[in-house]
Amino acid sequence: MSAQIDTGPPGLDLGRLRDHLGRHGLAEGGLAAEVIHGGRSNLTYLVRDGGRRFVVRRPPLGHVLATAHDMGREYRVMTALRDTGVPVPRTYHLCEDPEVIGAPFYVMEYVEGGQPPATPAIEAELTDILARLHALDPAAVGLADFGRPEGFLERQVKRWKRQLDASRSREIPGIDDLYDRLAGAVPLTQRHAIVHGDFKLGNTLIAGGRVRAVLDWEMSTLGDPLTDLALFLLYGDFAALDTGGRPEAGTALVSAAPTLAERYAAGAGLDVTRLGWYLALACFKLAVIAEGIHFRYTQGLTVGEGFGEIGGYVAPLVDHGLRALASLEG
């Protein structure tokens, strides 16, 4: 008699998954699964097979752009980073056949942990991890062709300007000035490195006061590493954008930022004297994302709580970015 199985949560046919994983020696008997909540993009499931636990990750339900939810990309970079000192879950299997569960997916280790409030020790450890990531030679870990690093910064500035133009629904004082000043002073990239793309406390798992894993590598590529550092520091100043809370819920890292930047510079071997430009780019990026969410909220196209406050971040982010650029000029 075959084992009893659950039908599974939306987007995960446990019968088909069990058969597929069984053929690859990764599962025996019946499976049970639940959605791991907290992610805002790809779907993540905790799957149990008797006494074992592992994680299955797949794109969101419905039609999505393949380039925005590339399972192979996440799987490849985490596999490459195994044993490099950058903490990532161990990867077990990639299935690019959408016929199995309705979309490509991959299987990885389940890592215990959560996202408690940041402490100075955790902030320092995250900074060291980021420096370690950026010190890696992409070719040495098989990622020499992982992106197009030449012209990376120019493409970033133009990309977020296009996104802004697609989301304009109100006057945003200073945002066009911020774009113009960014576009007119693009710095030279010191090193082409593996960049995470959204490195922040909310994309890590913490347990026992230590960082156990860095997650959500879907935007990773080869590019300018200081974009990661700037975004990480900026999330410290606007922590609620990371946690989903209200503006006043953030716990700023602004007093710690210079020390963290110096710590990073020593670990990565990079000059951070032009960090203000990168901070301004991070502000522009988050402002455009927040404005896009605000625009969809006003059109009644968002579901869930907290979206009504997101539009209130745009003006402070623009002001923050302009002040970061002014610090370089002063």
C-alpha atoms as a PDB file:
ATOM      1  CA  MET A   1       0.000   0.000   0.000  1.00  0.00           C
ATOM      2  CA  SER A   2       1.353   3.436  -0.895  1.00  0.00           C
ATOM      3  CA  ALA A   3       2.050   5.947   1.896  1.00  0.00           C
ATOM      4  CA  GLN A   4      -0.617   8.481   2.775  1.00  0.00           C
ATOM      5  CA  ILE A   5       0.292  11.990   1.611  1.00  0.00           C
ATOM      6  CA  ASP A   6      -1.109  15.462   2.040  1.00  0.00           C
ATOM      7  CA  THR A   7      -2.364  17.261  -1.028  1.00  0.00           C
ATOM      8  CA  GLY A   8       0.049  20.077  -0.179  1.00  0.00           C
ATOM      9  CA  PRO A   9      -0.156  23.861  -0.025  1.00  0.00           C
ATOM     10  CA  PRO A  10      -0.903  25.949  -3.138  1.00  0.00           C
ATOM     11  CA  GLY A  11       1.826  25.656  -5.750  1.00  0.00           C
ATOM     12  CA  LEU A  12       3.277  22.392  -4.465  1.00  0.00           C
ATOM     13  CA  ASP A  13       1.828  19.077  -5.647  1.00  0.00           C
ATOM     14  CA  LEU A  14       3.238  16.736  -3.029  1.00  0.00           C
ATOM     15  CA  GLY A  15       2.440  13.585  -4.990  1.00  0.00           C
ATOM     16  CA  ARG A  16       4.383  14.704  -8.047  1.00  0.00           C
ATOM     17  CA  LEU A  17       7.135  16.149  -5.863  1.00  0.00           C
ATOM     18  CA  ARG A  18       7.458  12.868  -3.952  1.00  0.00           C
ATOM     19  CA  ASP A  19       7.703  10.845  -7.159  1.00  0.00           C
ATOM     20  CA  HIS A  20      10.312  13.196  -8.630  1.00  0.00           C
ATOM     21  CA  LEU A  21      12.472  13.376  -5.506  1.00  0.00           C
ATOM     22  CA  GLY A  22      12.153   9.622  -5.019  1.00  0.00           C
ATOM     23  CA  ARG A  23      13.647   9.031  -8.460  1.00  0.00           C
ATOM     24  CA  HIS A  24      16.646  11.120  -7.372  1.00  0.00           C
ATOM     25  CA  GLY A  25      17.049   9.425  -4.013  1.00  0.00           C
ATOM     26  CA  LEU A  26      15.975  12.503  -2.065  1.00  0.00           C
ATOM     27  CA  ALA A  27      12.701  11.382  -0.476  1.00  0.00           C
ATOM     28  CA  GLU A  28      11.016   8.242   0.805  1.00  0.00           C
ATOM     29  CA  GLY A  29       7.416   7.697   1.810  1.00  0.00           C
ATOM     30  CA  GLY A  30       4.851  10.433   2.219  1.00  0.00           C
ATOM     31  CA  LEU A  31       5.582  14.151   2.318  1.00  0.00           C
ATOM     32  CA  ALA A  32       3.989  16.955   4.313  1.00  0.00           C
ATOM     33  CA  ALA A  33       4.592  20.639   3.613  1.00  0.00           C
ATOM     34  CA  GLU A  34       3.772  24.139   4.757  1.00  0.00           C
ATOM     35  CA  VAL A  35       4.511  27.604   3.417  1.00  0.00           C
ATOM     36  CA  ILE A  36       7.314  29.477   5.150  1.00  0.00           C
ATOM     37  CA  HIS A  37       5.896  32.968   5.431  1.00  0.00           C
ATOM     38  CA  GLY A  38       7.901  36.180   5.367  1.00  0.00           C
ATOM     39  CA  GLY A  39       9.241  36.195   1.832  1.00  0.00           C
ATOM     40  CA  ARG A  40       7.728  38.693  -0.619  1.00  0.00           C
ATOM     41  CA  SER A  41       8.830  37.119  -3.878  1.00  0.00           C
ATOM     42  CA  ASN A  42       9.555  33.444  -4.497  1.00  0.00           C
ATOM     43  CA  LEU A  43       7.541  30.863  -2.579  1.00  0.00           C
ATOM     44  CA  THR A  44       9.315  28.839   0.087  1.00  0.00           C
ATOM     45  CA  TYR A  45       8.033  25.603   1.619  1.00  0.00           C
ATOM     46  CA  LEU A  46       9.186  23.520   4.560  1.00  0.00           C
ATOM     47  CA  VAL A  47       8.817  19.887   3.493  1.00  0.00           C
ATOM     48  CA  ARG A  48       8.969  16.909   5.848  1.00  0.00           C
ATOM     49  CA  ASP A  49       9.787  13.353   4.901  1.00  0.00           C
ATOM     50  CA  GLY A  50       9.449  11.242   8.048  1.00  0.00           C
ATOM     51  CA  GLY A  51      12.137  12.582  10.364  1.00  0.00           C
ATOM     52  CA  ARG A  52      13.854  14.741   7.743  1.00  0.00           C
ATOM     53  CA  ARG A  53      13.222  18.361   6.818  1.00  0.00           C
ATOM     54  CA  PHE A  54      14.229  20.299   3.717  1.00  0.00           C
ATOM     55  CA  VAL A  55      13.146  23.414   1.848  1.00  0.00           C
ATOM     56  CA  VAL A  56      11.616  23.699  -1.622  1.00  0.00           C
ATOM     57  CA  ARG A  57      11.645  27.060  -3.390  1.00  0.00           C
ATOM     58  CA  ARG A  58       9.693  28.001  -6.521  1.00  0.00           C
ATOM     59  CA  PRO A  59       8.500  31.179  -8.306  1.00  0.00           C
ATOM     60  CA  PRO A  60       5.224  32.897  -7.290  1.00  0.00           C
ATOM     61  CA  LEU A  61       1.930  31.524  -8.549  1.00  0.00           C
ATOM     62  CA  GLY A  62       0.665  32.888 -11.830  1.00  0.00           C
ATOM     63  CA  HIS A  63       2.529  34.450 -14.735  1.00  0.00           C
ATOM     64  CA  VAL A  64       5.864  36.007 -13.840  1.00  0.00           C
ATOM     65  CA  LEU A  65       8.924  37.143 -15.751  1.00  0.00           C
ATOM     66  CA  ALA A  66      11.362  34.251 -15.866  1.00  0.00           C
ATOM     67  CA  THR A  67      14.347  36.572 -15.418  1.00  0.00           C
ATOM     68  CA  ALA A  68      12.901  37.936 -12.174  1.00  0.00           C
ATOM     69  CA  HIS A  69      12.416  34.516 -10.571  1.00  0.00           C
ATOM     70  CA  ASP A  70      15.272  32.425 -11.959  1.00  0.00           C
ATOM     71  CA  MET A  71      15.500  29.277  -9.842  1.00  0.00           C
ATOM     72  CA  GLY A  72      18.656  28.170 -11.604  1.00  0.00           C
ATOM     73  CA  ARG A  73      20.363  31.435 -10.751  1.00  0.00           C
ATOM     74  CA  GLU A  74      19.670  31.173  -7.016  1.00  0.00           C
ATOM     75  CA  TYR A  75      20.643  27.520  -6.981  1.00  0.00           C
ATOM     76  CA  ARG A  76      23.860  28.138  -8.885  1.00  0.00           C
ATOM     77  CA  VAL A  77      25.173  30.945  -6.703  1.00  0.00           C
ATOM     78  CA  MET A  78      24.388  29.183  -3.421  1.00  0.00           C
ATOM     79  CA  THR A  79      26.002  26.006  -4.705  1.00  0.00           C
ATOM     80  CA  ALA A  80      29.098  27.955  -5.739  1.00  0.00           C
ATOM     81  CA  LEU A  81      29.353  29.688  -2.349  1.00  0.00           C
ATOM     82  CA  ARG A  82      29.337  26.432  -0.405  1.00  0.00           C
ATOM     83  CA  ASP A  83      32.487  26.160   1.741  1.00  0.00           C
ATOM     84  CA  THR A  84      33.615  29.735   0.958  1.00  0.00           C
ATOM     85  CA  GLY A  85      32.894  31.117   4.419  1.00  0.00           C
ATOM     86  CA  VAL A  86      29.727  32.864   3.191  1.00  0.00           C
ATOM     87  CA  PRO A  87      26.941  31.076   5.105  1.00  0.00           C
ATOM     88  CA  VAL A  88      24.350  29.663   2.718  1.00  0.00           C
ATOM     89  CA  PRO A  89      22.065  26.630   2.920  1.00  0.00           C
ATOM     90  CA  ARG A  90      23.404  23.502   1.260  1.00  0.00           C
ATOM     91  CA  THR A  91      21.738  22.840  -2.078  1.00  0.00           C
ATOM     92  CA  TYR A  92      20.495  19.369  -2.998  1.00  0.00           C
ATOM     93  CA  HIS A  93      18.645  19.415  -6.292  1.00  0.00           C
ATOM     94  CA  LEU A  94      17.498  21.715  -9.118  1.00  0.00           C
ATOM     95  CA  CYS A  95      14.535  20.824 -11.333  1.00  0.00           C
ATOM     96  CA  GLU A  96      14.047  23.106 -14.329  1.00  0.00           C
ATOM     97  CA  ASP A  97      11.174  21.061 -15.768  1.00  0.00           C
ATOM     98  CA  PRO A  98       7.935  23.036 -15.115  1.00  0.00           C
ATOM     99  CA  GLU A  99       5.854  19.911 -15.666  1.00  0.00           C
ATOM    100  CA  VAL A 100       6.737  18.441 -12.271  1.00  0.00           C
ATOM    101  CA  ILE A 101       5.007  20.953  -9.940  1.00  0.00           C
ATOM    102  CA  GLY A 102       4.029  23.655 -12.446  1.00  0.00           C
ATOM    103  CA  ALA A 103       7.261  25.681 -12.272  1.00  0.00           C
ATOM    104  CA  PRO A 104      11.006  25.156 -11.901  1.00  0.00           C
ATOM    105  CA  PHE A 105      12.120  24.592  -8.301  1.00  0.00           C
ATOM    106  CA  TYR A 106      15.066  23.643  -6.191  1.00  0.00           C
ATOM    107  CA  VAL A 107      15.635  21.793  -2.932  1.00  0.00           C
ATOM    108  CA  MET A 108      17.945  23.000  -0.185  1.00  0.00           C
ATOM    109  CA  GLU A 109      18.838  22.440   3.434  1.00  0.00           C
ATOM    110  CA  TYR A 110      16.496  23.643   6.161  1.00  0.00           C
ATOM    111  CA  VAL A 111      18.391  26.040   8.431  1.00  0.00           C
ATOM    112  CA  GLU A 112      17.054  26.857  11.875  1.00  0.00           C
ATOM    113  CA  GLY A 113      16.837  30.548  12.692  1.00  0.00           C
ATOM    114  CA  GLY A 114      14.851  33.746  12.553  1.00  0.00           C
ATOM    115  CA  GLN A 115      15.289  37.528  12.341  1.00  0.00           C
ATOM    116  CA  PRO A 116      15.619  38.942  15.860  1.00  0.00           C
ATOM    117  CA  PRO A 117      16.435  42.640  16.312  1.00  0.00           C
ATOM    118  CA  ALA A 118      19.912  43.606  15.176  1.00  0.00           C
ATOM    119  CA  THR A 119      22.657  43.842  17.749  1.00  0.00           C
ATOM    120  CA  PRO A 120      26.113  45.397  17.290  1.00  0.00           C
ATOM    121  CA  ALA A 121      27.583  41.892  17.151  1.00  0.00           C
ATOM    122  CA  ILE A 122      25.172  40.764  14.416  1.00  0.00           C
ATOM    123  CA  GLU A 123      25.746  43.990  12.445  1.00  0.00           C
ATOM    124  CA  ALA A 124      29.490  43.414  12.631  1.00  0.00           C
ATOM    125  CA  GLU A 125      29.123  39.785  11.544  1.00  0.00           C
ATOM    126  CA  LEU A 126      26.910  40.753   8.607  1.00  0.00           C
ATOM    127  CA  THR A 127      29.504  43.341   7.583  1.00  0.00           C
ATOM    128  CA  ASP A 128      32.245  40.712   7.712  1.00  0.00           C
ATOM    129  CA  ILE A 129      30.153  38.280   5.640  1.00  0.00           C
ATOM    130  CA  LEU A 130      29.551  40.943   3.013  1.00  0.00           C
ATOM    131  CA  ALA A 131      33.268  41.762   2.876  1.00  0.00           C
ATOM    132  CA  ARG A 132      34.058  38.038   2.551  1.00  0.00           C
ATOM    133  CA  LEU A 133      31.589  37.684  -0.321  1.00  0.00           C
ATOM    134  CA  HIS A 134      33.048  40.648  -2.175  1.00  0.00           C
ATOM    135  CA  ALA A 135      36.624  39.479  -1.690  1.00  0.00           C
ATOM    136  CA  LEU A 136      35.899  36.234  -3.570  1.00  0.00           C
ATOM    137  CA  ASP A 137      37.196  35.803  -7.100  1.00  0.00           C
ATOM    138  CA  PRO A 138      34.058  34.918  -9.129  1.00  0.00           C
ATOM    139  CA  ALA A 139      36.098  32.771 -11.519  1.00  0.00           C
ATOM    140  CA  ALA A 140      37.542  30.754  -8.651  1.00  0.00           C
ATOM    141  CA  VAL A 141      34.055  29.576  -7.639  1.00  0.00           C
ATOM    142  CA  GLY A 142      32.782  29.014 -11.177  1.00  0.00           C
ATOM    143  CA  LEU A 143      30.871  32.297 -11.549  1.00  0.00           C
ATOM    144  CA  ALA A 144      32.988  34.143 -14.098  1.00  0.00           C
ATOM    145  CA  ASP A 145      29.997  34.338 -16.469  1.00  0.00           C
ATOM    146  CA  PHE A 146      27.393  35.127 -13.805  1.00  0.00           C
ATOM    147  CA  GLY A 147      26.641  38.653 -15.051  1.00  0.00           C
ATOM    148  CA  ARG A 148      27.742  41.610 -17.167  1.00  0.00           C
ATOM    149  CA  PRO A 149      29.830  43.689 -14.773  1.00  0.00           C
ATOM    150  CA  GLU A 150      30.970  46.242 -17.341  1.00  0.00           C
ATOM    151  CA  GLY A 151      28.636  49.247 -17.220  1.00  0.00           C
ATOM    152  CA  PHE A 152      26.818  47.844 -14.178  1.00  0.00           C
ATOM    153  CA  LEU A 153      26.414  51.179 -12.361  1.00  0.00           C
ATOM    154  CA  GLU A 154      25.222  53.057 -15.439  1.00  0.00           C
ATOM    155  CA  ARG A 155      22.625  50.357 -16.090  1.00  0.00           C
ATOM    156  CA  GLN A 156      21.441  50.526 -12.492  1.00  0.00           C
ATOM    157  CA  VAL A 157      20.859  54.294 -12.657  1.00  0.00           C
ATOM    158  CA  LYS A 158      18.975  54.003 -15.944  1.00  0.00           C
ATOM    159  CA  ARG A 159      16.955  51.011 -14.789  1.00  0.00           C
ATOM    160  CA  TRP A 160      15.559  52.759 -11.732  1.00  0.00           C
ATOM    161  CA  LYS A 161      14.829  55.903 -13.742  1.00  0.00           C
ATOM    162  CA  ARG A 162      12.726  53.779 -16.118  1.00  0.00           C
ATOM    163  CA  GLN A 163      10.927  52.273 -13.144  1.00  0.00           C
ATOM    164  CA  LEU A 164      10.262  55.747 -11.750  1.00  0.00           C
ATOM    165  CA  ASP A 165       8.806  56.966 -15.032  1.00  0.00           C
ATOM    166  CA  ALA A 166       6.485  53.952 -15.083  1.00  0.00           C
ATOM    167  CA  SER A 167       5.177  54.743 -11.594  1.00  0.00           C
ATOM    168  CA  ARG A 168       4.744  58.523 -11.652  1.00  0.00           C
ATOM    169  CA  SER A 169       1.441  59.601 -10.163  1.00  0.00           C
ATOM    170  CA  ARG A 170       2.385  62.687  -8.116  1.00  0.00           C
ATOM    171  CA  GLU A 171       5.056  65.338  -7.715  1.00  0.00           C
ATOM    172  CA  ILE A 172       8.132  64.110  -5.828  1.00  0.00           C
ATOM    173  CA  PRO A 173      10.337  67.120  -5.016  1.00  0.00           C
ATOM    174  CA  GLY A 174      14.016  66.469  -5.629  1.00  0.00           C
ATOM    175  CA  ILE A 175      13.817  63.025  -7.184  1.00  0.00           C
ATOM    176  CA  ASP A 176      14.705  64.180 -10.701  1.00  0.00           C
ATOM    177  CA  ASP A 177      17.590  66.207  -9.292  1.00  0.00           C
ATOM    178  CA  LEU A 178      18.769  63.092  -7.469  1.00  0.00           C
ATOM    179  CA  TYR A 179      18.702  61.121 -10.715  1.00  0.00           C
ATOM    180  CA  ASP A 180      20.516  63.818 -12.690  1.00  0.00           C
ATOM    181  CA  ARG A 181      23.278  64.087 -10.101  1.00  0.00           C
ATOM    182  CA  LEU A 182      23.683  60.321  -9.934  1.00  0.00           C
ATOM    183  CA  ALA A 183      23.843  59.981 -13.704  1.00  0.00           C
ATOM    184  CA  GLY A 184      26.358  62.800 -13.959  1.00  0.00           C
ATOM    185  CA  ALA A 185      28.870  61.433 -11.446  1.00  0.00           C
ATOM    186  CA  VAL A 186      29.031  57.647 -11.860  1.00  0.00           C
ATOM    187  CA  PRO A 187      32.203  56.432 -10.119  1.00  0.00           C
ATOM    188  CA  LEU A 188      34.668  53.901 -11.497  1.00  0.00           C
ATOM    189  CA  THR A 189      34.134  50.400 -10.181  1.00  0.00           C
ATOM    190  CA  GLN A 190      37.132  49.220  -8.167  1.00  0.00           C
ATOM    191  CA  ARG A 191      36.376  45.503  -8.447  1.00  0.00           C
ATOM    192  CA  HIS A 192      33.856  43.316 -10.187  1.00  0.00           C
ATOM    193  CA  ALA A 193      32.458  41.019  -7.515  1.00  0.00           C
ATOM    194  CA  ILE A 194      29.558  38.728  -6.689  1.00  0.00           C
ATOM    195  CA  VAL A 195      26.831  41.021  -5.379  1.00  0.00           C
ATOM    196  CA  HIS A 196      23.782  39.792  -3.511  1.00  0.00           C
ATOM    197  CA  GLY A 197      21.477  42.582  -4.679  1.00  0.00           C
ATOM    198  CA  ASP A 198      19.354  42.866  -1.512  1.00  0.00           C
ATOM    199  CA  PHE A 199      21.690  42.178   1.403  1.00  0.00           C
ATOM    200  CA  LYS A 200      19.932  42.973   4.687  1.00  0.00           C
ATOM    201  CA  LEU A 201      19.055  41.517   8.065  1.00  0.00           C
ATOM    202  CA  GLY A 202      15.656  40.392   6.767  1.00  0.00           C
ATOM    203  CA  ASN A 203      17.327  38.108   4.218  1.00  0.00           C
ATOM    204  CA  THR A 204      19.303  36.190   6.818  1.00  0.00           C
ATOM    205  CA  LEU A 205      18.640  33.561   9.445  1.00  0.00           C
ATOM    206  CA  ILE A 206      20.002  34.227  12.927  1.00  0.00           C
ATOM    207  CA  ALA A 207      20.246  31.674  15.744  1.00  0.00           C
ATOM    208  CA  GLY A 208      22.255  31.710  18.930  1.00  0.00           C
ATOM    209  CA  GLY A 209      23.387  35.243  18.228  1.00  0.00           C
ATOM    210  CA  ARG A 210      25.101  34.202  14.966  1.00  0.00           C
ATOM    211  CA  VAL A 211      24.265  34.456  11.274  1.00  0.00           C
ATOM    212  CA  ARG A 212      23.400  30.949  10.136  1.00  0.00           C
ATOM    213  CA  ALA A 213      22.487  31.626   6.499  1.00  0.00           C
ATOM    214  CA  VAL A 214      22.113  34.364   3.910  1.00  0.00           C
ATOM    215  CA  LEU A 215      19.002  33.808   1.767  1.00  0.00           C
ATOM    216  CA  ASP A 216      17.193  35.267  -1.268  1.00  0.00           C
ATOM    217  CA  TRP A 217      19.920  35.341  -3.915  1.00  0.00           C
ATOM    218  CA  GLU A 218      17.508  35.857  -6.817  1.00  0.00           C
ATOM    219  CA  MET A 219      18.943  39.295  -7.677  1.00  0.00           C
ATOM    220  CA  SER A 220      22.583  38.273  -7.371  1.00  0.00           C
ATOM    221  CA  THR A 221      24.946  39.026 -10.236  1.00  0.00           C
ATOM    222  CA  LEU A 222      28.429  40.330 -10.984  1.00  0.00           C
ATOM    223  CA  GLY A 223      28.708  44.058 -10.351  1.00  0.00           C
ATOM    224  CA  ASP A 224      30.016  46.794  -8.100  1.00  0.00           C
ATOM    225  CA  PRO A 225      30.248  45.490  -4.507  1.00  0.00           C
ATOM    226  CA  LEU A 226      29.733  48.902  -2.904  1.00  0.00           C
ATOM    227  CA  THR A 227      26.098  48.807  -4.047  1.00  0.00           C
ATOM    228  CA  ASP A 228      25.548  45.952  -1.582  1.00  0.00           C
ATOM    229  CA  LEU A 229      27.295  47.806   1.242  1.00  0.00           C
ATOM    230  CA  ALA A 230      25.324  51.001   0.671  1.00  0.00           C
ATOM    231  CA  LEU A 231      21.976  49.212   0.589  1.00  0.00           C
ATOM    232  CA  PHE A 232      22.832  47.281   3.753  1.00  0.00           C
ATOM    233  CA  LEU A 233      23.690  50.504   5.599  1.00  0.00           C
ATOM    234  CA  LEU A 234      20.620  52.272   4.245  1.00  0.00           C
ATOM    235  CA  TYR A 235      18.311  49.529   5.482  1.00  0.00           C
ATOM    236  CA  GLY A 236      19.750  50.287   8.905  1.00  0.00           C
ATOM    237  CA  ASP A 237      18.519  53.873   8.655  1.00  0.00           C
ATOM    238  CA  PHE A 238      15.145  52.824   7.199  1.00  0.00           C
ATOM    239  CA  ALA A 239      14.754  49.522   9.023  1.00  0.00           C
ATOM    240  CA  ALA A 240      10.976  49.403   8.659  1.00  0.00           C
ATOM    241  CA  LEU A 241      11.370  48.997   4.897  1.00  0.00           C
ATOM    242  CA  ASP A 242      13.151  45.752   5.714  1.00  0.00           C
ATOM    243  CA  THR A 243      10.792  44.559   8.449  1.00  0.00           C
ATOM    244  CA  GLY A 244       7.539  45.873   6.965  1.00  0.00           C
ATOM    245  CA  GLY A 245       6.754  48.023   9.994  1.00  0.00           C
ATOM    246  CA  ARG A 246       5.725  51.629  10.246  1.00  0.00           C
ATOM    247  CA  PRO A 247       8.234  54.445   9.671  1.00  0.00           C
ATOM    248  CA  GLU A 248       8.764  55.061  13.373  1.00  0.00           C
ATOM    249  CA  ALA A 249       9.498  51.374  13.993  1.00  0.00           C
ATOM    250  CA  GLY A 250      12.988  51.549  12.481  1.00  0.00           C
ATOM    251  CA  THR A 251      16.137  51.335  14.586  1.00  0.00           C
ATOM    252  CA  ALA A 252      18.763  53.434  12.830  1.00  0.00           C
ATOM    253  CA  LEU A 253      22.330  52.341  12.297  1.00  0.00           C
ATOM    254  CA  VAL A 254      23.340  55.854  11.314  1.00  0.00           C
ATOM    255  CA  SER A 255      25.748  56.251  14.231  1.00  0.00           C
ATOM    256  CA  ALA A 256      27.286  52.848  13.503  1.00  0.00           C
ATOM    257  CA  ALA A 257      27.468  53.260   9.716  1.00  0.00           C
ATOM    258  CA  PRO A 258      30.933  54.921   9.523  1.00  0.00           C
ATOM    259  CA  THR A 259      32.409  52.217  11.773  1.00  0.00           C
ATOM    260  CA  LEU A 260      30.751  49.439   9.777  1.00  0.00           C
ATOM    261  CA  ALA A 261      31.953  50.954   6.514  1.00  0.00           C
ATOM    262  CA  GLU A 262      35.512  51.081   7.831  1.00  0.00           C
ATOM    263  CA  ARG A 263      35.252  47.495   9.018  1.00  0.00           C
ATOM    264  CA  TYR A 264      33.980  46.451   5.584  1.00  0.00           C
ATOM    265  CA  ALA A 265      36.740  48.370   3.786  1.00  0.00           C
ATOM    266  CA  ALA A 266      39.404  46.594   5.805  1.00  0.00           C
ATOM    267  CA  GLY A 267      37.862  43.178   5.170  1.00  0.00           C
ATOM    268  CA  ALA A 268      37.111  43.628   1.472  1.00  0.00           C
ATOM    269  CA  GLY A 269      40.185  45.672   0.630  1.00  0.00           C
ATOM    270  CA  LEU A 270      38.172  48.448  -1.006  1.00  0.00           C
ATOM    271  CA  ASP A 271      38.169  52.240  -0.778  1.00  0.00           C
ATOM    272  CA  VAL A 272      34.889  53.624   0.596  1.00  0.00           C
ATOM    273  CA  THR A 273      35.600  57.351   0.236  1.00  0.00           C
ATOM    274  CA  ARG A 274      32.967  57.590  -2.539  1.00  0.00           C
ATOM    275  CA  LEU A 275      30.370  55.660  -0.520  1.00  0.00           C
ATOM    276  CA  GLY A 276      28.084  58.712  -0.522  1.00  0.00           C
ATOM    277  CA  TRP A 277      27.330  58.181  -4.218  1.00  0.00           C
ATOM    278  CA  TYR A 278      26.404  54.565  -3.604  1.00  0.00           C
ATOM    279  CA  LEU A 279      24.219  55.551  -0.658  1.00  0.00           C
ATOM    280  CA  ALA A 280      22.456  58.036  -2.931  1.00  0.00           C
ATOM    281  CA  LEU A 281      21.892  55.296  -5.525  1.00  0.00           C
ATOM    282  CA  ALA A 282      20.463  53.033  -2.810  1.00  0.00           C
ATOM    283  CA  CYS A 283      18.141  55.856  -1.738  1.00  0.00           C
ATOM    284  CA  PHE A 284      17.006  56.372  -5.331  1.00  0.00           C
ATOM    285  CA  LYS A 285      16.370  52.639  -5.758  1.00  0.00           C
ATOM    286  CA  LEU A 286      14.336  52.282  -2.562  1.00  0.00           C
ATOM    287  CA  ALA A 287      12.457  55.522  -3.259  1.00  0.00           C
ATOM    288  CA  VAL A 288      11.450  54.241  -6.702  1.00  0.00           C
ATOM    289  CA  ILE A 289      10.402  50.869  -5.262  1.00  0.00           C
ATOM    290  CA  ALA A 290       8.371  52.605  -2.537  1.00  0.00           C
ATOM    291  CA  GLU A 291       6.762  54.903  -5.096  1.00  0.00           C
ATOM    292  CA  GLY A 292       5.827  51.917  -7.239  1.00  0.00           C
ATOM    293  CA  ILE A 293       4.155  50.264  -4.258  1.00  0.00           C
ATOM    294  CA  HIS A 294       2.395  53.543  -3.436  1.00  0.00           C
ATOM    295  CA  PHE A 295       1.154  53.826  -7.012  1.00  0.00           C
ATOM    296  CA  ARG A 296      -0.241  50.279  -6.966  1.00  0.00           C
ATOM    297  CA  TYR A 297      -1.801  50.957  -3.564  1.00  0.00           C
ATOM    298  CA  THR A 298      -3.642  54.007  -4.888  1.00  0.00           C
ATOM    299  CA  GLN A 299      -4.927  51.885  -7.770  1.00  0.00           C
ATOM    300  CA  GLY A 300      -6.222  49.220  -5.377  1.00  0.00           C
ATOM    301  CA  LEU A 301      -3.747  46.684  -6.703  1.00  0.00           C
ATOM    302  CA  THR A 302      -2.083  45.641  -3.436  1.00  0.00           C
ATOM    303  CA  VAL A 303      -3.251  43.029  -0.969  1.00  0.00           C
ATOM    304  CA  GLY A 304      -2.248  42.981   2.696  1.00  0.00           C
ATOM    305  CA  GLU A 305      -1.367  45.401   5.454  1.00  0.00           C
ATOM    306  CA  GLY A 306       1.245  48.132   5.650  1.00  0.00           C
ATOM    307  CA  PHE A 307       1.150  49.306   2.039  1.00  0.00           C
ATOM    308  CA  GLY A 308      -0.569  52.570   2.929  1.00  0.00           C
ATOM    309  CA  GLU A 309       2.502  53.812   4.792  1.00  0.00           C
ATOM    310  CA  ILE A 310       5.086  52.939   2.122  1.00  0.00           C
ATOM    311  CA  GLY A 311       4.507  56.124   0.139  1.00  0.00           C
ATOM    312  CA  GLY A 312       5.606  58.127   3.169  1.00  0.00           C
ATOM    313  CA  TYR A 313       9.160  56.839   2.781  1.00  0.00           C
ATOM    314  CA  VAL A 314       9.735  58.372  -0.641  1.00  0.00           C
ATOM    315  CA  ALA A 315      10.433  61.982   0.377  1.00  0.00           C
ATOM    316  CA  PRO A 316      12.777  61.045   3.282  1.00  0.00           C
ATOM    317  CA  LEU A 317      14.703  58.699   0.989  1.00  0.00           C
ATOM    318  CA  VAL A 318      15.117  61.387  -1.660  1.00  0.00           C
ATOM    319  CA  ASP A 319      16.304  63.862   0.982  1.00  0.00           C
ATOM    320  CA  HIS A 320      18.691  61.255   2.397  1.00  0.00           C
ATOM    321  CA  GLY A 321      20.131  60.647  -1.082  1.00  0.00           C
ATOM    322  CA  LEU A 322      20.647  64.317  -1.846  1.00  0.00           C
ATOM    323  CA  ARG A 323      22.398  64.817   1.493  1.00  0.00           C
ATOM    324  CA  ALA A 324      24.663  61.819   0.774  1.00  0.00           C
ATOM    325  CA  LEU A 325      25.743  63.427  -2.505  1.00  0.00           C
ATOM    326  CA  ALA A 326      26.187  66.804  -0.820  1.00  0.00           C
ATOM    327  CA  SER A 327      28.559  65.180   1.679  1.00  0.00           C
ATOM    328  CA  LEU A 328      30.889  64.299  -1.211  1.00  0.00           C
ATOM    329  CA  GLU A 329      30.793  67.856  -2.547  1.00  0.00           C
ATOM    330  CA  GLY A 330      31.282  69.559   0.812  1.00  0.00           C
END
